[in-house]
Amino acid sequence: MTEAIIRRIDDSIAWITLNRPGSLNALNREMLQMLSSVLDDIREQDAVRAVVLTGAGDKAFSAGADIKYLSQASPLEVLDMARLAVSVNNKIETLGKVVVAAINGYALGGGLELAESCMLRVAVEQAKLGHPEVRIGAVAGWGGTTRLPRLVGKGFAAEMLLTGKHITAQEALRRGLVNAVVEPQVLYAETERLVGEILACSPVAVRLTWEALHRGMNVSLEESALLGADHFGLAASTEDFREGANAFLEKKKPSFKGK
């Protein structure tokens, strides 16, 4: 039986692939449960510093929730699946590691909500992104109504969510929904290059910056700024900070130890 989620670890990067290409990687309960378990395992692996989430095949990252299942499920079963999906997306967002979505095609509905929970997103030129839920009488209830406005602003988020329209990768780039748009043949190389830039920095500083960024989005401006100051102070107590400062002054490349 083909695994619905494929995981491999290459050095300090975990690659997670949604693996139902025949269904455009549509998300069902099995996939969400497996993804939840994989994330729990990766969270505990200190050697893994970054995660890349992508879809199998060349057509879709994920076309969203499995509509065939949802059309036959009871309202309570739909609610249960939505809460499972929300839990998975929260795990991605709070993993404590940089998570990048490599969007290799359609990212729609629940698939886009998975990508929205990642810290960064790289899309192929041909990708289409959207929240078509309202077009089938549904709601973007896996986090889309929460995260999309934070990424693109309330006005454009409302336009996407209320019309259900798809947007191109270039439009997503202009709106800040993705960080880069690349040709399909270099998607994974460019994603790895972006991750590599992050991993070349101090592991401690990256972790503290990630935490300040994530937690700072949910508090007032003043509290967020103070949180950043506190984390700056913490970073200054590390060996990495002394190494980085001395390397800067001596005009050499720092050798970070993550301490």
Protein backbone atom coordinates (compact mmCIF):
# COMPACT_ATOMS: atom_id res chain seq x y z
CA MET A 1 0.00 0.00 0.00
CA THR A 2 1.34 3.42 -0.96
CA GLU A 3 2.08 5.71 1.97
CA ALA A 4 -0.07 8.84 1.93
CA ILE A 5 2.78 10.80 3.52
CA ILE A 6 6.42 10.32 2.51
CA ARG A 7 9.18 11.56 4.77
CA ARG A 8 12.92 11.67 4.27
CA ILE A 9 15.62 13.46 6.20
CA ASP A 10 18.58 14.88 4.32
CA ASP A 11 21.20 16.29 6.66
CA SER A 12 19.29 18.80 8.81
CA ILE A 13 16.27 19.14 6.51
CA ALA A 14 13.15 16.97 6.72
CA TRP A 15 11.26 16.64 3.43
CA ILE A 16 7.57 15.78 3.77
CA THR A 17 5.56 14.88 0.66
CA LEU A 18 1.78 14.66 0.41
CA ASN A 19 1.45 11.52 -1.67
CA ARG A 20 -1.93 11.11 -3.36
CA PRO A 21 -1.04 12.47 -6.82
CA GLY A 22 -3.95 10.66 -8.48
CA SER A 23 -6.30 12.77 -6.33
CA LEU A 24 -4.20 15.95 -6.65
CA ASN A 25 -2.98 15.21 -3.11
CA ALA A 26 -6.45 15.84 -1.68
CA LEU A 27 -6.40 15.66 2.11
CA ASN A 28 -8.33 12.96 3.96
CA ARG A 29 -8.34 11.90 7.61
CA GLU A 30 -5.61 9.30 7.06
CA MET A 31 -3.24 11.87 5.56
CA LEU A 32 -3.91 14.40 8.30
CA GLN A 33 -3.37 11.82 11.03
CA MET A 34 -0.15 10.61 9.42
CA LEU A 35 1.07 14.17 8.94
CA SER A 36 0.31 14.94 12.58
CA SER A 37 2.36 11.93 13.68
CA VAL A 38 5.28 12.83 11.40
CA LEU A 39 5.33 16.38 12.75
CA ASP A 40 5.37 15.10 16.34
CA ASP A 41 8.38 12.94 15.51
CA ILE A 42 10.25 15.72 13.73
CA ARG A 43 9.63 18.14 16.60
CA GLU A 44 11.67 15.85 18.87
CA GLN A 45 14.61 15.53 16.47
CA ASP A 46 17.08 18.25 17.39
CA ALA A 47 19.21 17.42 14.36
CA VAL A 48 16.35 18.53 12.08
CA ARG A 49 16.45 22.31 11.80
CA ALA A 50 14.09 22.88 8.86
CA VAL A 51 11.20 21.20 7.10
CA VAL A 52 10.09 21.34 3.46
CA LEU A 53 6.47 20.40 2.77
CA THR A 54 5.46 19.60 -0.82
CA GLY A 55 3.14 17.49 -2.96
CA ALA A 56 3.80 14.44 -5.12
CA GLY A 57 3.59 14.80 -8.89
CA ASP A 58 3.75 17.89 -11.04
CA LYS A 59 0.14 19.10 -10.84
CA ALA A 60 -0.67 19.90 -7.24
CA PHE A 61 0.71 20.73 -3.84
CA SER A 62 -2.77 19.85 -2.62
CA ALA A 63 -6.17 20.54 -4.15
CA GLY A 64 -7.64 20.70 -0.64
CA ALA A 65 -9.94 18.52 1.42
CA ASP A 66 -11.22 15.27 -0.03
CA ILE A 67 -14.65 16.49 -1.20
CA LYS A 68 -15.89 12.97 -1.92
CA TYR A 69 -15.45 12.06 1.75
CA LEU A 70 -16.89 15.34 3.01
CA SER A 71 -19.97 15.03 0.80
CA GLN A 72 -20.83 11.74 2.49
CA ALA A 73 -19.78 12.60 6.04
CA SER A 74 -22.08 13.76 8.81
CA PRO A 75 -21.78 17.34 10.11
CA LEU A 76 -20.06 16.02 13.25
CA GLU A 77 -17.58 14.05 11.14
CA VAL A 78 -16.86 17.17 9.06
CA LEU A 79 -16.32 19.16 12.27
CA ASP A 80 -14.03 16.46 13.66
CA MET A 81 -11.93 16.48 10.48
CA ALA A 82 -11.76 20.28 10.52
CA ARG A 83 -10.50 20.26 14.09
CA LEU A 84 -7.89 17.64 13.17
CA ALA A 85 -6.76 19.85 10.28
CA VAL A 86 -6.60 22.92 12.52
CA SER A 87 -4.47 20.93 14.97
CA VAL A 88 -2.09 19.85 12.19
CA ASN A 89 -1.75 23.41 10.90
CA ASN A 90 -1.06 24.67 14.41
CA LYS A 91 1.66 22.03 14.76
CA ILE A 92 3.27 23.27 11.56
CA GLU A 93 3.12 26.88 12.68
CA THR A 94 4.49 26.17 16.17
CA LEU A 95 6.99 23.46 15.27
CA GLY A 96 9.94 25.53 16.45
CA LYS A 97 11.71 24.92 13.16
CA VAL A 98 11.55 26.80 9.88
CA VAL A 99 8.91 25.17 7.68
CA VAL A 100 8.81 25.99 3.96
CA ALA A 101 6.02 25.02 1.57
CA ALA A 102 7.35 24.08 -1.88
CA ILE A 103 4.18 24.67 -3.89
CA ASN A 104 4.53 22.52 -7.01
CA GLY A 105 1.07 23.17 -8.50
CA TYR A 106 -2.46 23.79 -7.29
CA ALA A 107 -2.73 24.90 -3.65
CA LEU A 108 -6.43 25.21 -2.99
CA GLY A 109 -8.69 25.23 0.05
CA GLY A 110 -7.25 23.03 2.76
CA GLY A 111 -4.07 22.64 0.70
CA LEU A 112 -3.51 26.39 0.74
CA GLU A 113 -4.28 26.42 4.46
CA LEU A 114 -1.43 23.94 4.96
CA ALA A 115 0.88 26.26 3.03
CA GLU A 116 -0.36 29.32 4.95
CA SER A 117 0.68 27.68 8.21
CA CYS A 118 4.28 27.41 6.97
CA MET A 119 6.75 30.20 7.69
CA LEU A 120 7.80 30.59 4.03
CA ARG A 121 6.36 29.59 0.66
CA VAL A 122 8.06 29.02 -2.73
CA ALA A 123 5.79 28.39 -5.73
CA VAL A 124 6.29 27.26 -9.30
CA GLU A 125 5.32 29.69 -12.06
CA GLN A 126 2.34 27.55 -13.05
CA ALA A 127 0.87 27.29 -9.54
CA LYS A 128 -2.68 28.41 -8.82
CA LEU A 129 -3.68 29.37 -5.31
CA GLY A 130 -7.13 29.97 -3.90
CA HIS A 131 -9.88 29.39 -1.40
CA PRO A 132 -12.80 28.06 -3.50
CA GLU A 133 -14.76 26.85 -0.45
CA VAL A 134 -17.64 29.30 -0.86
CA ARG A 135 -18.23 28.00 -4.38
CA ILE A 136 -19.33 24.67 -2.94
CA GLY A 137 -21.18 26.15 0.02
CA ALA A 138 -18.34 25.69 2.50
CA VAL A 139 -16.03 27.89 4.62
CA ALA A 140 -12.23 28.05 4.78
CA GLY A 141 -12.42 26.50 8.23
CA TRP A 142 -8.96 24.99 8.59
CA GLY A 143 -7.32 28.33 9.39
CA GLY A 144 -7.75 30.22 6.12
CA THR A 145 -10.03 32.91 7.55
CA THR A 146 -7.37 33.49 10.22
CA ARG A 147 -4.00 33.22 8.48
CA LEU A 148 -4.75 34.60 5.02
CA PRO A 149 -5.64 38.13 6.29
CA ARG A 150 -2.42 38.17 8.28
CA LEU A 151 -0.45 37.36 5.14
CA VAL A 152 -2.11 39.53 2.50
CA GLY A 153 -4.26 42.00 4.46
CA LYS A 154 -7.96 41.93 5.23
CA GLY A 155 -9.14 43.48 1.96
CA PHE A 156 -7.49 41.09 -0.48
CA ALA A 157 -8.11 38.13 1.84
CA ALA A 158 -11.81 39.02 1.82
CA GLU A 159 -11.76 39.13 -1.99
CA MET A 160 -10.17 35.69 -2.21
CA LEU A 161 -12.33 34.11 0.49
CA LEU A 162 -15.65 35.62 -0.61
CA THR A 163 -15.28 35.05 -4.36
CA GLY A 164 -13.42 31.74 -4.23
CA LYS A 165 -11.25 32.85 -7.14
CA HIS A 166 -7.85 31.39 -7.95
CA ILE A 167 -4.79 33.62 -8.28
CA THR A 168 -1.55 33.04 -10.16
CA ALA A 169 1.81 32.52 -8.51
CA GLN A 170 2.91 35.98 -9.68
CA GLU A 171 -0.16 37.60 -8.10
CA ALA A 172 0.54 35.64 -4.91
CA LEU A 173 4.09 36.99 -4.97
CA ARG A 174 2.90 40.58 -5.39
CA ARG A 175 0.47 40.13 -2.50
CA GLY A 176 3.02 38.57 -0.17
CA LEU A 177 1.36 35.17 -0.11
CA VAL A 178 4.50 33.50 -1.46
CA ASN A 179 8.15 34.49 -1.05
CA ALA A 180 9.42 33.41 -4.45
CA VAL A 181 8.23 32.10 -7.81
CA VAL A 182 10.49 29.72 -9.75
CA GLU A 183 10.44 27.40 -12.73
CA PRO A 184 9.30 23.83 -11.91
CA GLN A 185 12.66 22.23 -12.65
CA VAL A 186 14.41 24.29 -9.97
CA LEU A 187 11.69 24.33 -7.29
CA TYR A 188 13.40 21.99 -4.87
CA ALA A 189 16.89 23.35 -5.52
CA GLU A 190 15.72 26.92 -4.92
CA THR A 191 13.78 25.88 -1.83
CA GLU A 192 16.86 24.13 -0.48
CA ARG A 193 18.97 27.19 -1.30
CA LEU A 194 16.59 29.41 0.69
CA VAL A 195 16.64 26.99 3.61
CA GLY A 196 20.43 26.83 3.34
CA GLU A 197 20.68 30.59 3.78
CA ILE A 198 18.76 30.26 7.03
CA LEU A 199 20.72 27.26 8.26
CA ALA A 200 24.00 29.10 7.65
CA CYS A 201 23.04 31.51 10.42
CA SER A 202 23.27 30.89 14.16
CA PRO A 203 20.83 28.11 15.15
CA VAL A 204 20.13 29.91 18.42
CA ALA A 205 19.49 33.26 16.74
CA VAL A 206 17.23 31.63 14.13
CA ARG A 207 15.22 29.90 16.85
CA LEU A 208 14.86 33.10 18.91
CA THR A 209 13.97 35.16 15.83
CA TRP A 210 11.39 32.52 14.78
CA GLU A 211 9.84 32.63 18.25
CA ALA A 212 9.77 36.45 18.41
CA LEU A 213 8.20 36.60 14.96
CA HIS A 214 5.59 33.95 15.68
CA ARG A 215 4.61 35.11 19.16
CA GLY A 216 4.89 38.78 18.25
CA MET A 217 2.09 38.50 15.70
CA ASN A 218 -0.45 37.80 18.43
CA VAL A 219 0.27 40.61 20.87
CA SER A 220 0.24 44.40 20.77
CA LEU A 221 2.89 46.35 18.86
CA GLU A 222 4.58 47.45 22.09
CA GLU A 223 4.58 43.93 23.54
CA SER A 224 5.93 42.55 20.27
CA ALA A 225 8.80 45.07 20.24
CA LEU A 226 9.64 44.28 23.88
CA LEU A 227 9.59 40.58 23.06
CA GLY A 228 12.12 41.24 20.31
CA ALA A 229 14.30 43.18 22.75
CA ASP A 230 14.14 40.35 25.28
CA HIS A 231 15.16 37.83 22.65
CA PHE A 232 18.00 40.10 21.54
CA GLY A 233 19.21 40.08 25.13
CA LEU A 234 19.00 36.29 25.25
CA ALA A 235 20.93 35.99 22.01
CA ALA A 236 23.66 38.26 23.41
CA SER A 237 24.30 35.71 26.15
CA THR A 238 25.23 32.95 23.70
CA GLU A 239 28.55 31.74 22.36
CA ASP A 240 27.16 32.19 18.85
CA PHE A 241 26.70 35.91 19.45
CA ARG A 242 30.31 36.33 20.56
CA GLU A 243 31.49 34.24 17.61
CA GLY A 244 29.38 36.24 15.16
CA ALA A 245 30.40 39.63 16.57
CA ASN A 246 34.11 38.74 16.57
CA ALA A 247 33.90 37.29 13.07
CA PHE A 248 32.27 40.50 11.85
CA LEU A 249 35.00 42.63 13.41
CA GLU A 250 37.72 40.37 12.04
CA LYS A 251 36.02 40.19 8.62
CA LYS A 252 35.86 36.40 8.56
CA LYS A 253 33.14 33.78 8.28
CA PRO A 254 31.66 32.79 11.66
CA SER A 255 31.61 29.19 12.84
CA PHE A 256 28.39 28.79 14.79
CA LYS A 257 27.95 25.99 17.33
CA GLY A 258 24.33 26.53 18.30
CA LYS A 259 25.26 27.44 21.87
